Amino acid sequence: YRLLFDQLEITQVLVRFLIAVPIAAVLLA
């Protein structure tokens, strides 16, 4: 959402997504 309003760069958003993937995997497991 912050990427849409130019508050974050795409690399920061992708890093946050990549960090969220293992966290989501552990939570769902």
PDB file of all heavy atoms in Angstrom:
ATOM      1  N   TYR A   1       0.832  -1.209   0.000  1.00  0.00           N
ATOM      2  CA  TYR A   1       0.000   0.000   0.000  1.00  0.00           C
ATOM      3  C   TYR A   1       0.867   1.260   0.000  1.00  0.00           C
ATOM      4  O   TYR A   1       0.581   2.216  -0.712  1.00  0.00           O
ATOM      5  CB  TYR A   1      -0.920  -0.030   1.222  1.00  0.00           C
ATOM      6  CG  TYR A   1      -1.839   1.161   1.321  1.00  0.00           C
ATOM      7  CD1 TYR A   1      -2.951   1.274   0.505  1.00  0.00           C
ATOM      8  CD2 TYR A   1      -1.586   2.177   2.248  1.00  0.00           C
ATOM      9  CE1 TYR A   1      -3.796   2.359   0.605  1.00  0.00           C
ATOM     10  CE2 TYR A   1      -2.414   3.268   2.350  1.00  0.00           C
ATOM     11  CZ  TYR A   1      -3.524   3.360   1.516  1.00  0.00           C
ATOM     12  OH  TYR A   1      -4.361   4.441   1.611  1.00  0.00           O
ATOM     13  N   ARG A   2       1.939   1.233   0.803  1.00  0.00           N
ATOM     14  CA  ARG A   2       2.843   2.391   0.841  1.00  0.00           C
ATOM     15  C   ARG A   2       3.613   2.551  -0.460  1.00  0.00           C
ATOM     16  O   ARG A   2       4.043   3.650  -0.796  1.00  0.00           O
ATOM     17  CB  ARG A   2       3.795   2.265   2.024  1.00  0.00           C
ATOM     18  CG  ARG A   2       3.063   2.454   3.358  1.00  0.00           C
ATOM     19  CD  ARG A   2       3.972   2.294   4.524  1.00  0.00           C
ATOM     20  NE  ARG A   2       4.991   3.325   4.508  1.00  0.00           N
ATOM     21  CZ  ARG A   2       6.031   3.334   5.319  1.00  0.00           C
ATOM     22  NH1 ARG A   2       6.177   2.367   6.210  1.00  0.00           N
ATOM     23  NH2 ARG A   2       6.920   4.286   5.256  1.00  0.00           N
ATOM     24  N   LEU A   3       3.792   1.451  -1.187  1.00  0.00           N
ATOM     25  CA  LEU A   3       4.442   1.530  -2.492  1.00  0.00           C
ATOM     26  C   LEU A   3       3.586   2.316  -3.486  1.00  0.00           C
ATOM     27  O   LEU A   3       4.118   3.065  -4.314  1.00  0.00           O
ATOM     28  CB  LEU A   3       4.710   0.122  -3.035  1.00  0.00           C
ATOM     29  CG  LEU A   3       5.328   0.035  -4.432  1.00  0.00           C
ATOM     30  CD1 LEU A   3       6.762   0.550  -4.388  1.00  0.00           C
ATOM     31  CD2 LEU A   3       5.275  -1.386  -4.938  1.00  0.00           C
ATOM     32  N   LEU A   4       2.287   2.184  -3.378  1.00  0.00           N
ATOM     33  CA  LEU A   4       1.395   2.911  -4.282  1.00  0.00           C
ATOM     34  C   LEU A   4       1.505   4.421  -4.134  1.00  0.00           C
ATOM     35  O   LEU A   4       1.317   5.168  -5.092  1.00  0.00           O
ATOM     36  CB  LEU A   4      -0.063   2.487  -4.052  1.00  0.00           C
ATOM     37  CG  LEU A   4      -0.422   1.065  -4.461  1.00  0.00           C
ATOM     38  CD1 LEU A   4      -1.858   0.760  -4.076  1.00  0.00           C
ATOM     39  CD2 LEU A   4      -0.212   0.878  -5.950  1.00  0.00           C
ATOM     40  N   PHE A   5       1.803   4.882  -2.925  1.00  0.00           N
ATOM     41  CA  PHE A   5       1.901   6.318  -2.670  1.00  0.00           C
ATOM     42  C   PHE A   5       3.349   6.804  -2.616  1.00  0.00           C
ATOM     43  O   PHE A   5       3.632   7.864  -2.046  1.00  0.00           O
ATOM     44  CB  PHE A   5       1.176   6.671  -1.369  1.00  0.00           C
ATOM     45  CG  PHE A   5      -0.301   6.425  -1.460  1.00  0.00           C
ATOM     46  CD1 PHE A   5      -0.889   5.363  -0.796  1.00  0.00           C
ATOM     47  CD2 PHE A   5      -1.110   7.236  -2.232  1.00  0.00           C
ATOM     48  CE1 PHE A   5      -2.235   5.126  -0.882  1.00  0.00           C
ATOM     49  CE2 PHE A   5      -2.464   7.012  -2.330  1.00  0.00           C
ATOM     50  CZ  PHE A   5      -3.035   5.948  -1.656  1.00  0.00           C
ATOM     51  N   ASP A   6       4.274   6.044  -3.187  1.00  0.00           N
ATOM     52  CA  ASP A   6       5.693   6.400  -3.288  1.00  0.00           C
ATOM     53  C   ASP A   6       6.337   6.693  -1.939  1.00  0.00           C
ATOM     54  O   ASP A   6       7.186   7.567  -1.815  1.00  0.00           O
ATOM     55  CB  ASP A   6       5.891   7.589  -4.231  1.00  0.00           C
ATOM     56  CG  ASP A   6       5.570   7.223  -5.661  1.00  0.00           C
ATOM     57  OD1 ASP A   6       5.754   6.044  -6.018  1.00  0.00           O
ATOM     58  OD2 ASP A   6       5.128   8.110  -6.419  1.00  0.00           O
ATOM     59  N   GLN A   7       5.930   5.953  -0.919  1.00  0.00           N
ATOM     60  CA  GLN A   7       6.553   6.100   0.389  1.00  0.00           C
ATOM     61  C   GLN A   7       7.652   5.066   0.609  1.00  0.00           C
ATOM     62  O   GLN A   7       8.488   5.223   1.494  1.00  0.00           O
ATOM     63  CB  GLN A   7       5.501   5.988   1.490  1.00  0.00           C
ATOM     64  CG  GLN A   7       4.485   7.119   1.443  1.00  0.00           C
ATOM     65  CD  GLN A   7       3.383   6.927   2.469  1.00  0.00           C
ATOM     66  OE1 GLN A   7       3.321   5.894   3.129  1.00  0.00           O
ATOM     67  NE2 GLN A   7       2.523   7.913   2.591  1.00  0.00           N
ATOM     68  N   LEU A   8       7.634   3.987  -0.176  1.00  0.00           N
ATOM     69  CA  LEU A   8       8.654   2.944  -0.099  1.00  0.00           C
ATOM     70  C   LEU A   8       9.130   2.617  -1.503  1.00  0.00           C
ATOM     71  O   LEU A   8       8.407   2.806  -2.480  1.00  0.00           O
ATOM     72  CB  LEU A   8       8.097   1.659   0.530  1.00  0.00           C
ATOM     73  CG  LEU A   8       7.883   1.622   2.035  1.00  0.00           C
ATOM     74  CD1 LEU A   8       7.287   0.292   2.444  1.00  0.00           C
ATOM     75  CD2 LEU A   8       9.179   1.843   2.769  1.00  0.00           C
ATOM     76  N   GLU A   9      10.336   2.081  -1.570  1.00  0.00           N
ATOM     77  CA  GLU A   9      10.857   1.622  -2.852  1.00  0.00           C
ATOM     78  C   GLU A   9      10.468   0.168  -3.054  1.00  0.00           C
ATOM     79  O   GLU A   9      10.158  -0.551  -2.107  1.00  0.00           O
ATOM     80  CB  GLU A   9      12.374   1.765  -2.884  1.00  0.00           C
ATOM     81  CG  GLU A   9      12.857   3.191  -2.819  1.00  0.00           C
ATOM     82  CD  GLU A   9      14.371   3.272  -2.809  1.00  0.00           C
ATOM     83  OE1 GLU A   9      15.020   2.218  -2.993  1.00  0.00           O
ATOM     84  OE2 GLU A   9      14.885   4.373  -2.619  1.00  0.00           O
ATOM     85  N   ILE A  10      10.521  -0.282  -4.289  1.00  0.00           N
ATOM     86  CA  ILE A  10      10.113  -1.646  -4.617  1.00  0.00           C
ATOM     87  C   ILE A  10      11.036  -2.674  -3.958  1.00  0.00           C
ATOM     88  O   ILE A  10      10.578  -3.744  -3.552  1.00  0.00           O
ATOM     89  CB  ILE A  10      10.050  -1.843  -6.151  1.00  0.00           C
ATOM     90  CG1 ILE A  10       9.449  -3.217  -6.504  1.00  0.00           C
ATOM     91  CG2 ILE A  10      11.411  -1.698  -6.774  1.00  0.00           C
ATOM     92  CD1 ILE A  10       8.002  -3.343  -6.232  1.00  0.00           C
ATOM     93  N   THR A  11      12.311  -2.341  -3.804  1.00  0.00           N
ATOM     94  CA  THR A  11      13.225  -3.296  -3.171  1.00  0.00           C
ATOM     95  C   THR A  11      12.874  -3.515  -1.703  1.00  0.00           C
ATOM     96  O   THR A  11      12.939  -4.637  -1.209  1.00  0.00           O
ATOM     97  CB  THR A  11      14.679  -2.821  -3.293  1.00  0.00           C
ATOM     98  OG1 THR A  11      14.795  -1.519  -2.747  1.00  0.00           O
ATOM     99  CG2 THR A  11      15.126  -2.832  -4.733  1.00  0.00           C
ATOM    100  N   GLN A  12      12.484  -2.451  -1.014  1.00  0.00           N
ATOM    101  CA  GLN A  12      12.087  -2.586   0.382  1.00  0.00           C
ATOM    102  C   GLN A  12      10.809  -3.416   0.506  1.00  0.00           C
ATOM    103  O   GLN A  12      10.671  -4.223   1.421  1.00  0.00           O
ATOM    104  CB  GLN A  12      11.880  -1.221   1.013  1.00  0.00           C
ATOM    105  CG  GLN A  12      13.147  -0.427   1.176  1.00  0.00           C
ATOM    106  CD  GLN A  12      12.879   0.969   1.707  1.00  0.00           C
ATOM    107  OE1 GLN A  12      11.772   1.488   1.563  1.00  0.00           O
ATOM    108  NE2 GLN A  12      13.892   1.569   2.305  1.00  0.00           N
ATOM    109  N   VAL A  13       9.888  -3.224  -0.424  1.00  0.00           N
ATOM    110  CA  VAL A  13       8.638  -3.976  -0.395  1.00  0.00           C
ATOM    111  C   VAL A  13       8.907  -5.452  -0.661  1.00  0.00           C
ATOM    112  O   VAL A  13       8.358  -6.328   0.015  1.00  0.00           O
ATOM    113  CB  VAL A  13       7.636  -3.396  -1.423  1.00  0.00           C
ATOM    114  CG1 VAL A  13       6.399  -4.250  -1.513  1.00  0.00           C
ATOM    115  CG2 VAL A  13       7.276  -1.968  -1.044  1.00  0.00           C
ATOM    116  N   LEU A  14       9.772  -5.739  -1.608  1.00  0.00           N
ATOM    117  CA  LEU A  14      10.087  -7.132  -1.914  1.00  0.00           C
ATOM    118  C   LEU A  14      10.841  -7.805  -0.775  1.00  0.00           C
ATOM    119  O   LEU A  14      10.631  -8.989  -0.504  1.00  0.00           O
ATOM    120  CB  LEU A  14      10.873  -7.217  -3.217  1.00  0.00           C
ATOM    121  CG  LEU A  14      10.077  -6.856  -4.476  1.00  0.00           C
ATOM    122  CD1 LEU A  14      10.976  -6.892  -5.703  1.00  0.00           C
ATOM    123  CD2 LEU A  14       8.887  -7.774  -4.649  1.00  0.00           C
ATOM    124  N   VAL A  15      11.715  -7.070  -0.104  1.00  0.00           N
ATOM    125  CA  VAL A  15      12.419  -7.627   1.052  1.00  0.00           C
ATOM    126  C   VAL A  15      11.422  -7.940   2.161  1.00  0.00           C
ATOM    127  O   VAL A  15      11.498  -8.996   2.802  1.00  0.00           O
ATOM    128  CB  VAL A  15      13.521  -6.664   1.543  1.00  0.00           C
ATOM    129  CG1 VAL A  15      14.025  -7.047   2.917  1.00  0.00           C
ATOM    130  CG2 VAL A  15      14.655  -6.627   0.545  1.00  0.00           C
ATOM    131  N   ARG A  16      10.476  -7.064   2.393  1.00  0.00           N
ATOM    132  CA  ARG A  16       9.456  -7.322   3.415  1.00  0.00           C
ATOM    133  C   ARG A  16       8.607  -8.529   3.051  1.00  0.00           C
ATOM    134  O   ARG A  16       8.219  -9.322   3.915  1.00  0.00           O
ATOM    135  CB  ARG A  16       8.579  -6.092   3.620  1.00  0.00           C
ATOM    136  CG  ARG A  16       9.314  -4.964   4.294  1.00  0.00           C
ATOM    137  CD  ARG A  16       8.436  -3.774   4.499  1.00  0.00           C
ATOM    138  NE  ARG A  16       9.221  -2.657   5.025  1.00  0.00           N
ATOM    139  CZ  ARG A  16       8.702  -1.646   5.688  1.00  0.00           C
ATOM    140  NH1 ARG A  16       7.410  -1.588   5.884  1.00  0.00           N
ATOM    141  NH2 ARG A  16       9.477  -0.680   6.135  1.00  0.00           N
ATOM    142  N   PHE A  17       8.309  -8.685   1.767  1.00  0.00           N
ATOM    143  CA  PHE A  17       7.552  -9.854   1.329  1.00  0.00           C
ATOM    144  C   PHE A  17       8.375 -11.132   1.525  1.00  0.00           C
ATOM    145  O   PHE A  17       7.854 -12.141   1.992  1.00  0.00           O
ATOM    146  CB  PHE A  17       7.136  -9.712  -0.135  1.00  0.00           C
ATOM    147  CG  PHE A  17       6.433 -10.912  -0.680  1.00  0.00           C
ATOM    148  CD1 PHE A  17       5.131 -11.197  -0.305  1.00  0.00           C
ATOM    149  CD2 PHE A  17       7.069 -11.771  -1.558  1.00  0.00           C
ATOM    150  CE1 PHE A  17       4.476 -12.315  -0.794  1.00  0.00           C
ATOM    151  CE2 PHE A  17       6.430 -12.889  -2.055  1.00  0.00           C
ATOM    152  CZ  PHE A  17       5.130 -13.161  -1.676  1.00  0.00           C
ATOM    153  N   LEU A  18       9.662 -11.085   1.179  1.00  0.00           N
ATOM    154  CA  LEU A  18      10.505 -12.259   1.349  1.00  0.00           C
ATOM    155  C   LEU A  18      10.703 -12.622   2.819  1.00  0.00           C
ATOM    156  O   LEU A  18      10.862 -13.789   3.153  1.00  0.00           O
ATOM    157  CB  LEU A  18      11.865 -12.038   0.674  1.00  0.00           C
ATOM    158  CG  LEU A  18      11.828 -12.028  -0.851  1.00  0.00           C
ATOM    159  CD1 LEU A  18      13.212 -11.716  -1.411  1.00  0.00           C
ATOM    160  CD2 LEU A  18      11.321 -13.349  -1.378  1.00  0.00           C
ATOM    161  N   ILE A  19      10.694 -11.645   3.693  1.00  0.00           N
ATOM    162  CA  ILE A  19      10.760 -11.920   5.124  1.00  0.00           C
ATOM    163  C   ILE A  19       9.432 -12.512   5.605  1.00  0.00           C
ATOM    164  O   ILE A  19       9.397 -13.384   6.472  1.00  0.00           O
ATOM    165  CB  ILE A  19      11.122 -10.643   5.907  1.00  0.00           C
ATOM    166  CG1 ILE A  19      12.564 -10.252   5.604  1.00  0.00           C
ATOM    167  CG2 ILE A  19      10.912 -10.811   7.396  1.00  0.00           C
ATOM    168  CD1 ILE A  19      12.967  -8.904   6.143  1.00  0.00           C
ATOM    169  N   ALA A  20       8.334 -12.071   5.014  1.00  0.00           N
ATOM    170  CA  ALA A  20       7.015 -12.548   5.431  1.00  0.00           C
ATOM    171  C   ALA A  20       6.757 -13.996   5.002  1.00  0.00           C
ATOM    172  O   ALA A  20       5.954 -14.678   5.627  1.00  0.00           O
ATOM    173  CB  ALA A  20       5.931 -11.634   4.860  1.00  0.00           C
ATOM    174  N   VAL A  21       7.426 -14.478   3.959  1.00  0.00           N
ATOM    175  CA  VAL A  21       7.167 -15.841   3.469  1.00  0.00           C
ATOM    176  C   VAL A  21       7.535 -16.901   4.514  1.00  0.00           C
ATOM    177  O   VAL A  21       6.695 -17.752   4.836  1.00  0.00           O
ATOM    178  CB  VAL A  21       7.875 -16.084   2.120  1.00  0.00           C
ATOM    179  CG1 VAL A  21       7.831 -17.551   1.748  1.00  0.00           C
ATOM    180  CG2 VAL A  21       7.231 -15.251   1.027  1.00  0.00           C
ATOM    181  N   PRO A  22       8.735 -16.922   5.086  1.00  0.00           N
ATOM    182  CA  PRO A  22       8.996 -17.961   6.100  1.00  0.00           C
ATOM    183  C   PRO A  22       8.169 -17.785   7.368  1.00  0.00           C
ATOM    184  O   PRO A  22       7.806 -18.773   8.012  1.00  0.00           O
ATOM    185  CB  PRO A  22      10.492 -17.838   6.386  1.00  0.00           C
ATOM    186  CG  PRO A  22      10.911 -16.547   5.839  1.00  0.00           C
ATOM    187  CD  PRO A  22       9.935 -16.153   4.792  1.00  0.00           C
ATOM    188  N   ILE A  23       7.864 -16.544   7.722  1.00  0.00           N
ATOM    189  CA  ILE A  23       7.026 -16.309   8.896  1.00  0.00           C
ATOM    190  C   ILE A  23       5.630 -16.882   8.657  1.00  0.00           C
ATOM    191  O   ILE A  23       5.054 -17.546   9.519  1.00  0.00           O
ATOM    192  CB  ILE A  23       6.974 -14.804   9.232  1.00  0.00           C
ATOM    193  CG1 ILE A  23       8.344 -14.336   9.687  1.00  0.00           C
ATOM    194  CG2 ILE A  23       5.916 -14.516  10.289  1.00  0.00           C
ATOM    195  CD1 ILE A  23       8.472 -12.837   9.836  1.00  0.00           C
ATOM    196  N   ALA A  24       5.081 -16.649   7.477  1.00  0.00           N
ATOM    197  CA  ALA A  24       3.767 -17.189   7.137  1.00  0.00           C
ATOM    198  C   ALA A  24       3.801 -18.708   7.094  1.00  0.00           C
ATOM    199  O   ALA A  24       2.845 -19.371   7.514  1.00  0.00           O
ATOM    200  CB  ALA A  24       3.303 -16.623   5.792  1.00  0.00           C
ATOM    201  N   ALA A  25       4.896 -19.284   6.596  1.00  0.00           N
ATOM    202  CA  ALA A  25       5.008 -20.744   6.540  1.00  0.00           C
ATOM    203  C   ALA A  25       5.006 -21.348   7.938  1.00  0.00           C
ATOM    204  O   ALA A  25       4.334 -22.362   8.188  1.00  0.00           O
ATOM    205  CB  ALA A  25       6.270 -21.135   5.782  1.00  0.00           C
ATOM    206  N   VAL A  26       5.733 -20.733   8.856  1.00  0.00           N
ATOM    207  CA  VAL A  26       5.781 -21.238  10.236  1.00  0.00           C
ATOM    208  C   VAL A  26       4.419 -21.086  10.907  1.00  0.00           C
ATOM    209  O   VAL A  26       3.941 -22.004  11.587  1.00  0.00           O
ATOM    210  CB  VAL A  26       6.893 -20.521  11.031  1.00  0.00           C
ATOM    211  CG1 VAL A  26       6.783 -20.806  12.521  1.00  0.00           C
ATOM    212  CG2 VAL A  26       8.254 -20.899  10.497  1.00  0.00           C
ATOM    213  N   LEU A  27       3.774 -19.942  10.733  1.00  0.00           N
ATOM    214  CA  LEU A  27       2.470 -19.724  11.352  1.00  0.00           C
ATOM    215  C   LEU A  27       1.416 -20.690  10.819  1.00  0.00           C
ATOM    216  O   LEU A  27       0.614 -21.242  11.578  1.00  0.00           O
ATOM    217  CB  LEU A  27       2.028 -18.278  11.147  1.00  0.00           C
ATOM    218  CG  LEU A  27       2.799 -17.225  11.939  1.00  0.00           C
ATOM    219  CD1 LEU A  27       2.347 -15.822  11.547  1.00  0.00           C
ATOM    220  CD2 LEU A  27       2.612 -17.441  13.428  1.00  0.00           C
ATOM    221  N   LEU A  28       1.397 -20.900   9.516  1.00  0.00           N
ATOM    222  CA  LEU A  28       0.417 -21.823   8.947  1.00  0.00           C
ATOM    223  C   LEU A  28       0.728 -23.270   9.303  1.00  0.00           C
ATOM    224  O   LEU A  28      -0.188 -24.078   9.485  1.00  0.00           O
ATOM    225  CB  LEU A  28       0.335 -21.643   7.431  1.00  0.00           C
ATOM    226  CG  LEU A  28      -0.389 -20.376   6.977  1.00  0.00           C
ATOM    227  CD1 LEU A  28      -0.365 -20.258   5.466  1.00  0.00           C
ATOM    228  CD2 LEU A  28      -1.818 -20.361   7.472  1.00  0.00           C
ATOM    229  N   ALA A  29       2.001 -23.622   9.419  1.00  0.00           N
ATOM    230  CA  ALA A  29       2.351 -24.980   9.850  1.00  0.00           C
ATOM    231  C   ALA A  29       1.904 -25.217  11.292  1.00  0.00           C
ATOM    232  O   ALA A  29       1.394 -26.293  11.622  1.00  0.00           O
ATOM    233  CB  ALA A  29       3.848 -25.202   9.705  1.00  0.00           C
TER     234      ALA A  29
END
